[in-house]
């Protein structure tokens, strides 16, 4: 699963957007209103972001060696070559088998207010974990882990989307947010695109821009911890069986269920309006074309990335599929011109790197235990 990687897609909106939406803003007022706007994006992302793994999830299978004999309740099917797969899965990378953490699901972190979010994050790095406590902190004089809390550092919060601000030296992510507010959003639910030699293509980029702008504009009522948990039910359904005929999704925590294709096509009707606006500004119909291409996936799930890659994996195995892509992309990239680097360039860079290392080590006189007390 470590080789099933994802793309982190950073998204921000210009000040002109926020001024058009919120009026004339500056100083502390800008920090508050822009942060509130980005939390609006995040809430809508949790409610509707399952569309990303549905369309672009590309990890419906794993090698049997990944389980290492561990029991699983997932109804895997197995091929003769040792591949485990779920026939309707989209992104096992986003499942409990991949980059998620069950122990974090009850932290109570919400996305309604900057100070509320930071308080929840800071509380999480102080919340003890029985599971991690069993490991211990030190053994034979060697440190086994930073601490035994649910989050050992703030960056360990596994989430499909995170509010971010560039940190200053020695500054924690949450302190950076308190200082200047949200600067950009980190989207973390996009699998590497196996059909692109660079892992992501123009269609995906245009869709993400469309979707994130829509998230900033659409209604986004405040979200309780309970509703956040309910949105995860939708995400898990799409992750594990998103292409299953008859699959339904809930809206919030309501008991009513709606067919996934219906919800998806309703969403795309809204996205098409955003696309028309963006195309009117940029010229052409590129964004509308993306909508027309992708909406077809709701009537025909075989067009999704997960269906396409799974067909290849079943036919030729994980290894055969990977080898075919590797050979094709190797040949393609070999045709690209290369920057000519001389041996002297590498020597100079090595020496410069060693100097930077020595300078950093000379300036760092604080004992690790003292540093840890301050930052962990």
Protein backbone atom coordinates (compact mmCIF):
# COMPACT_ATOMS: atom_id res chain seq x y z
CA UNK A 1 0.00 0.00 0.00
CA UNK A 2 2.96 2.29 0.53
CA UNK A 3 3.42 2.26 -3.24
CA UNK A 4 -0.20 3.34 -3.75
CA UNK A 5 0.51 7.02 -3.41
CA UNK A 6 -1.64 10.09 -3.50
CA UNK A 7 -1.38 13.62 -4.82
CA UNK A 8 -1.68 16.47 -2.33
CA UNK A 9 -3.47 19.27 -4.14
CA UNK A 10 -3.04 22.71 -2.58
CA UNK A 11 -5.84 25.17 -3.31
CA UNK A 12 -6.30 28.84 -2.49
CA UNK A 13 -8.46 31.68 -3.73
CA UNK A 14 -7.16 35.21 -4.48
CA UNK A 15 -7.99 38.20 -2.31
CA UNK A 16 -10.15 39.54 -5.15
CA UNK A 17 -12.46 36.54 -4.70
CA UNK A 18 -12.86 37.11 -0.97
CA UNK A 19 -13.44 40.84 -1.45
CA UNK A 20 -16.11 40.13 -4.05
CA UNK A 21 -17.77 37.64 -1.72
CA UNK A 22 -17.27 39.30 1.67
CA UNK A 23 -16.92 42.98 0.83
CA UNK A 24 -13.96 45.21 1.64
CA UNK A 25 -11.82 43.30 4.15
CA UNK A 26 -8.42 44.00 5.66
CA UNK A 27 -6.28 43.24 8.72
CA UNK A 28 -7.83 41.05 11.44
CA UNK A 29 -11.16 41.21 9.63
CA UNK A 30 -9.57 39.56 6.58
CA UNK A 31 -8.06 36.78 8.72
CA UNK A 32 -11.44 35.97 10.29
CA UNK A 33 -13.55 36.15 7.13
CA UNK A 34 -11.12 34.32 4.86
CA UNK A 35 -10.67 31.56 7.45
CA UNK A 36 -14.45 31.28 7.78
CA UNK A 37 -14.66 31.01 3.99
CA UNK A 38 -12.13 28.20 3.87
CA UNK A 39 -13.94 26.32 6.65
CA UNK A 40 -17.04 26.60 4.48
CA UNK A 41 -15.03 24.87 1.73
CA UNK A 42 -13.96 22.14 4.15
CA UNK A 43 -17.50 21.43 5.39
CA UNK A 44 -18.81 21.09 1.85
CA UNK A 45 -15.81 18.94 1.00
CA UNK A 46 -16.69 16.51 3.78
CA UNK A 47 -20.30 16.43 2.61
CA UNK A 48 -19.62 15.95 -1.10
CA UNK A 49 -15.91 15.21 -1.53
CA UNK A 50 -16.60 11.47 -1.90
CA UNK A 51 -17.04 12.38 -5.57
CA UNK A 52 -13.23 12.54 -5.87
CA UNK A 53 -12.53 8.88 -5.01
CA UNK A 54 -15.61 7.89 -6.99
CA UNK A 55 -14.25 9.48 -10.17
CA UNK A 56 -10.50 9.25 -9.63
CA UNK A 57 -9.87 6.55 -7.03
CA UNK A 58 -7.30 4.16 -8.52
CA UNK A 59 -6.55 1.66 -5.76
CA UNK A 60 -9.28 -1.02 -5.80
CA UNK A 61 -6.77 -3.84 -5.17
CA UNK A 62 -3.78 -4.75 -3.03
CA UNK A 63 -1.12 -7.44 -3.01
CA UNK A 64 -1.94 -10.18 -0.50
CA UNK A 65 1.42 -9.58 1.19
CA UNK A 66 0.13 -6.25 2.45
CA UNK A 67 -2.25 -7.97 4.85
CA UNK A 68 0.61 -10.10 6.26
CA UNK A 69 -1.83 -12.67 7.53
CA UNK A 70 -3.88 -10.12 9.49
CA UNK A 71 -7.61 -10.87 9.63
CA UNK A 72 -9.93 -8.52 7.79
CA UNK A 73 -13.70 -8.29 7.63
CA UNK A 74 -13.63 -6.93 4.08
CA UNK A 75 -15.06 -9.40 1.53
CA UNK A 76 -11.98 -9.57 -0.69
CA UNK A 77 -11.85 -11.62 -3.83
CA UNK A 78 -8.48 -13.15 -4.68
CA UNK A 79 -6.76 -13.91 -7.96
CA UNK A 80 -4.33 -16.75 -8.59
CA UNK A 81 -1.38 -14.36 -8.54
CA UNK A 82 -2.14 -13.26 -4.98
CA UNK A 83 -4.01 -10.04 -5.62
CA UNK A 84 -6.84 -9.10 -3.26
CA UNK A 85 -9.54 -6.79 -4.56
CA UNK A 86 -13.05 -5.56 -3.89
CA UNK A 87 -15.05 -5.65 -7.13
CA UNK A 88 -16.66 -2.22 -6.61
CA UNK A 89 -13.92 -0.49 -4.58
CA UNK A 90 -12.50 2.85 -5.66
CA UNK A 91 -9.66 3.79 -3.28
CA UNK A 92 -8.40 1.31 -0.71
CA UNK A 93 -5.67 3.86 -0.04
CA UNK A 94 -8.32 5.94 1.73
CA UNK A 95 -9.75 2.98 3.67
CA UNK A 96 -8.68 1.67 7.07
CA UNK A 97 -6.10 -0.39 5.19
CA UNK A 98 -4.37 2.74 3.96
CA UNK A 99 -3.79 6.25 5.22
CA UNK A 100 -6.45 6.57 7.89
CA UNK A 101 -6.41 6.02 11.63
CA UNK A 102 -9.41 4.65 13.52
CA UNK A 103 -8.19 6.09 16.81
CA UNK A 104 -8.59 9.60 15.37
CA UNK A 105 -12.25 9.21 14.44
CA UNK A 106 -13.50 10.22 17.91
CA UNK A 107 -11.30 13.25 18.51
CA UNK A 108 -14.20 15.66 18.10
CA UNK A 109 -12.29 18.07 15.87
CA UNK A 110 -14.75 20.23 13.94
CA UNK A 111 -14.48 22.75 11.11
CA UNK A 112 -16.77 25.62 12.05
CA UNK A 113 -14.38 28.14 13.54
CA UNK A 114 -10.63 28.78 13.50
CA UNK A 115 -10.19 28.89 17.27
CA UNK A 116 -12.46 25.89 17.84
CA UNK A 117 -10.50 23.87 15.27
CA UNK A 118 -7.11 24.77 16.75
CA UNK A 119 -8.33 24.00 20.28
CA UNK A 120 -9.48 20.56 19.11
CA UNK A 121 -6.16 19.92 17.40
CA UNK A 122 -4.14 20.96 20.45
CA UNK A 123 -6.32 18.79 22.68
CA UNK A 124 -5.73 15.80 20.39
CA UNK A 125 -1.97 15.93 20.89
CA UNK A 126 -2.59 15.73 24.65
CA UNK A 127 -5.15 12.90 24.55
CA UNK A 128 -3.64 9.58 25.74
CA UNK A 129 -3.96 6.45 23.60
CA UNK A 130 -4.20 3.07 25.32
CA UNK A 131 -2.89 1.41 22.16
CA UNK A 132 0.24 3.57 21.98
CA UNK A 133 0.78 3.41 25.75
CA UNK A 134 1.32 -0.35 25.41
CA UNK A 135 4.31 0.34 23.14
CA UNK A 136 6.06 2.45 25.75
CA UNK A 137 8.11 5.61 25.31
CA UNK A 138 11.62 4.25 25.73
CA UNK A 139 13.37 0.88 25.73
CA UNK A 140 17.01 0.21 26.52
CA UNK A 141 17.74 3.91 26.40
CA UNK A 142 16.25 4.34 22.94
CA UNK A 143 13.14 6.39 22.29
CA UNK A 144 10.37 4.32 20.69
CA UNK A 145 7.93 7.14 20.02
CA UNK A 146 7.55 10.84 20.74
CA UNK A 147 4.75 10.21 23.23
CA UNK A 148 1.78 7.89 23.69
CA UNK A 149 -0.98 10.28 22.67
CA UNK A 150 -3.54 9.78 19.89
CA UNK A 151 -1.73 12.46 17.87
CA UNK A 152 1.98 12.61 18.60
CA UNK A 153 2.40 15.69 16.42
CA UNK A 154 -0.20 17.82 14.64
CA UNK A 155 0.86 16.65 11.19
CA UNK A 156 -0.30 13.13 12.10
CA UNK A 157 -3.94 14.17 11.74
CA UNK A 158 -5.03 11.97 8.83
CA UNK A 159 -7.82 13.77 7.04
CA UNK A 160 -9.01 14.05 3.44
CA UNK A 161 -8.59 17.83 3.65
CA UNK A 162 -6.68 20.17 5.97
CA UNK A 163 -6.53 23.95 6.55
CA UNK A 164 -2.96 25.17 6.20
CA UNK A 165 -0.67 28.14 6.54
CA UNK A 166 3.04 28.25 5.75
CA UNK A 167 4.87 27.95 9.08
CA UNK A 168 7.75 30.03 10.28
CA UNK A 169 10.85 28.42 11.76
CA UNK A 170 9.94 26.60 14.98
CA UNK A 171 6.23 27.29 14.56
CA UNK A 172 3.60 24.54 14.82
CA UNK A 173 0.86 24.26 12.17
CA UNK A 174 -1.82 25.32 14.66
CA UNK A 175 0.18 28.33 15.88
CA UNK A 176 0.65 29.41 12.27
CA UNK A 177 -3.12 29.27 11.77
CA UNK A 178 -3.73 31.32 14.91
CA UNK A 179 -1.19 33.90 13.77
CA UNK A 180 -2.44 34.51 10.25
CA UNK A 181 -5.53 32.41 9.61
CA UNK A 182 -6.00 29.87 6.84
CA UNK A 183 -3.82 30.56 3.81
CA UNK A 184 -4.68 27.56 1.66
CA UNK A 185 -6.38 24.17 1.68
CA UNK A 186 -4.57 20.86 1.31
CA UNK A 187 -6.69 18.29 -0.56
CA UNK A 188 -5.49 14.78 0.31
CA UNK A 189 -7.98 12.35 -1.22
CA UNK A 190 -6.63 12.12 -4.77
CA UNK A 191 -4.90 8.87 -5.74
CA UNK A 192 -1.99 9.00 -8.14
CA UNK A 193 -3.46 8.83 -11.65
CA UNK A 194 -1.97 5.68 -13.23
CA UNK A 195 -3.10 6.80 -16.67
CA UNK A 196 -0.90 9.92 -16.59
CA UNK A 197 2.91 9.87 -16.81
CA UNK A 198 3.03 12.62 -14.18
CA UNK A 199 0.33 11.27 -11.85
CA UNK A 200 -2.37 13.89 -12.48
CA UNK A 201 -3.90 15.32 -15.64
CA UNK A 202 -5.53 18.52 -16.82
CA UNK A 203 -9.06 17.12 -16.54
CA UNK A 204 -8.53 16.39 -12.84
CA UNK A 205 -7.01 19.81 -12.17
CA UNK A 206 -9.92 21.59 -13.82
CA UNK A 207 -12.43 19.44 -11.94
CA UNK A 208 -10.77 20.11 -8.58
CA UNK A 209 -10.78 23.84 -9.25
CA UNK A 210 -14.46 23.68 -10.18
CA UNK A 211 -15.38 21.61 -7.16
CA UNK A 212 -13.42 23.73 -4.69
CA UNK A 213 -14.89 26.97 -6.02
CA UNK A 214 -18.35 25.41 -5.73
CA UNK A 215 -17.54 24.40 -2.14
CA UNK A 216 -16.73 28.04 -1.40
CA UNK A 217 -20.02 29.27 -2.88
CA UNK A 218 -22.59 26.64 -1.87
CA UNK A 219 -24.49 26.75 1.41
CA UNK A 220 -22.51 25.11 4.20
CA UNK A 221 -24.30 25.01 7.57
CA UNK A 222 -22.13 24.40 10.62
CA UNK A 223 -21.22 20.75 11.10
CA UNK A 224 -21.35 18.93 14.43
CA UNK A 225 -19.07 16.04 15.34
CA UNK A 226 -22.05 13.75 14.79
CA UNK A 227 -22.65 14.98 11.25
CA UNK A 228 -18.94 14.73 10.52
CA UNK A 229 -19.14 11.06 11.50
CA UNK A 230 -22.17 10.66 9.24
CA UNK A 231 -20.27 12.07 6.27
CA UNK A 232 -17.59 9.43 6.84
CA UNK A 233 -20.24 6.76 6.28
CA UNK A 234 -20.76 8.10 2.75
CA UNK A 235 -17.02 8.27 2.15
CA UNK A 236 -16.51 4.68 3.33
CA UNK A 237 -19.31 3.42 1.11
CA UNK A 238 -17.78 5.07 -1.94
CA UNK A 239 -14.26 3.96 -1.03
CA UNK A 240 -15.21 0.29 -0.57
CA UNK A 241 -18.10 -0.17 -3.01
CA UNK A 242 -18.60 3.08 -4.90
CA UNK A 243 -19.42 1.41 -8.22
CA UNK A 244 -21.89 -1.08 -6.76
CA UNK A 245 -25.26 -0.98 -8.54
CA UNK A 246 -27.95 0.48 -6.32
CA UNK A 247 -25.52 2.11 -3.87
CA UNK A 248 -27.16 4.91 -1.87
CA UNK A 249 -25.84 7.84 0.14
CA UNK A 250 -27.28 9.79 3.04
CA UNK A 251 -27.56 13.54 3.34
CA UNK A 252 -26.18 14.59 6.71
CA UNK A 253 -27.49 12.28 9.43
CA UNK A 254 -30.96 11.98 7.93
CA UNK A 255 -32.34 8.47 7.51
CA UNK A 256 -33.38 9.08 3.89
CA UNK A 257 -31.08 7.55 1.30
CA UNK A 258 -30.54 8.62 -2.30
CA UNK A 259 -28.99 6.76 -5.24
CA UNK A 260 -25.37 7.79 -5.73
CA UNK A 261 -25.85 8.50 -9.48
CA UNK A 262 -28.70 10.88 -8.67
CA UNK A 263 -26.69 12.79 -6.06
CA UNK A 264 -23.70 12.92 -8.39
CA UNK A 265 -25.67 14.27 -11.33
CA UNK A 266 -27.40 16.85 -9.12
CA UNK A 267 -23.97 18.02 -7.98
CA UNK A 268 -22.75 18.27 -11.56
CA UNK A 269 -25.70 20.47 -12.49
CA UNK A 270 -24.36 22.99 -9.99
CA UNK A 271 -20.79 22.49 -11.15
CA UNK A 272 -21.85 23.16 -14.73
CA UNK A 273 -23.03 26.64 -13.70
CA UNK A 274 -19.64 27.35 -12.10
CA UNK A 275 -17.97 25.99 -15.25
CA UNK A 276 -19.97 28.35 -17.46
CA UNK A 277 -18.83 31.31 -15.36
CA UNK A 278 -15.17 30.28 -15.43
CA UNK A 279 -15.32 29.67 -19.18
CA UNK A 280 -16.90 33.08 -19.74
CA UNK A 281 -13.91 34.63 -17.97
CA UNK A 282 -11.17 32.50 -19.51
CA UNK A 283 -12.70 31.96 -22.94
CA UNK A 284 -13.48 28.62 -24.54
CA UNK A 285 -15.45 25.77 -22.97
CA UNK A 286 -12.73 23.77 -21.19
CA UNK A 287 -14.46 23.62 -17.80
CA UNK A 288 -17.85 22.75 -19.30
CA UNK A 289 -16.18 19.99 -21.31
CA UNK A 290 -14.80 18.48 -18.10
CA UNK A 291 -18.30 18.45 -16.61
CA UNK A 292 -19.75 16.77 -19.69
CA UNK A 293 -17.00 14.12 -19.70
CA UNK A 294 -17.12 13.24 -16.01
CA UNK A 295 -20.88 13.28 -15.43
CA UNK A 296 -21.08 10.25 -17.73
CA UNK A 297 -19.33 8.22 -15.00
CA UNK A 298 -22.50 8.22 -12.92
CA UNK A 299 -24.48 6.38 -15.59
CA UNK A 300 -21.50 4.23 -16.56
CA UNK A 301 -19.19 3.44 -13.61
CA UNK A 302 -16.93 1.46 -15.96
CA UNK A 303 -15.53 4.84 -17.07
CA UNK A 304 -14.08 5.58 -13.62
CA UNK A 305 -10.37 5.19 -12.92
CA UNK A 306 -10.95 2.34 -10.45
CA UNK A 307 -12.94 0.28 -12.94
CA UNK A 308 -10.38 0.82 -15.68
CA UNK A 309 -7.36 -0.09 -13.56
CA UNK A 310 -9.10 -3.09 -11.98
CA UNK A 311 -9.87 -4.57 -15.40
CA UNK A 312 -6.18 -4.42 -16.25
CA UNK A 313 -5.13 -5.86 -12.90
CA UNK A 314 -7.48 -8.81 -13.21
CA UNK A 315 -6.29 -9.49 -16.76
CA UNK A 316 -2.53 -9.11 -16.22
CA UNK A 317 -2.05 -8.86 -12.45
CA UNK A 318 -0.71 -5.99 -10.38
CA UNK A 319 2.83 -6.68 -11.57
CA UNK A 320 1.87 -6.94 -15.22
CA UNK A 321 -0.16 -3.75 -15.07
CA UNK A 322 2.60 -1.85 -13.32
CA UNK A 323 5.23 -3.13 -15.75
CA UNK A 324 3.18 -2.08 -18.76
CA UNK A 325 2.69 1.45 -17.39
CA UNK A 326 6.36 1.69 -16.39
CA UNK A 327 7.59 0.71 -19.84
CA UNK A 328 5.19 3.09 -21.59
CA UNK A 329 6.11 6.04 -19.38
CA UNK A 330 9.81 5.24 -19.52
CA UNK A 331 9.70 5.38 -23.31
CA UNK A 332 7.64 8.57 -23.23
CA UNK A 333 9.86 10.37 -20.74
CA UNK A 334 13.06 9.33 -22.52
CA UNK A 335 11.90 11.47 -25.42
CA UNK A 336 11.89 14.56 -23.20
CA UNK A 337 15.02 16.74 -23.29
CA UNK A 338 17.19 16.52 -20.18
CA UNK A 339 19.08 19.23 -18.37
CA UNK A 340 22.77 18.44 -18.72
CA UNK A 341 24.45 18.35 -15.30
CA UNK A 342 28.20 18.02 -14.91
CA UNK A 343 30.00 16.09 -12.18
CA UNK A 344 31.24 19.42 -10.81
CA UNK A 345 27.60 20.48 -10.27
CA UNK A 346 26.95 17.47 -8.03
CA UNK A 347 30.19 18.02 -6.10
CA UNK A 348 29.32 21.68 -5.51
CA UNK A 349 25.82 20.80 -4.33
CA UNK A 350 27.16 18.12 -1.98
CA UNK A 351 29.63 20.55 -0.43
CA UNK A 352 26.97 23.23 -0.05
CA UNK A 353 24.64 20.71 1.58
CA UNK A 354 27.32 19.64 4.04
CA UNK A 355 27.96 23.29 4.97
CA UNK A 356 24.26 23.87 5.60
CA UNK A 357 24.14 20.75 7.78
CA UNK A 358 27.11 21.91 9.86
CA UNK A 359 25.59 25.36 10.30
CA UNK A 360 22.26 23.90 11.44
CA UNK A 361 23.91 21.52 13.89
CA UNK A 362 26.15 24.26 15.31
CA UNK A 363 23.14 26.51 15.89
CA UNK A 364 21.10 23.74 17.55
CA UNK A 365 22.23 23.61 21.18
CA UNK A 366 18.92 22.74 22.82
CA UNK A 367 18.67 19.16 24.21
CA UNK A 368 16.11 17.01 22.40
CA UNK A 369 14.13 16.37 25.60
CA UNK A 370 13.74 20.11 26.16
CA UNK A 371 12.68 20.68 22.54
CA UNK A 372 10.17 17.83 22.81
CA UNK A 373 8.65 19.31 25.94
CA UNK A 374 8.01 22.55 24.05
CA UNK A 375 6.68 21.16 20.78
CA UNK A 376 5.07 17.76 21.42
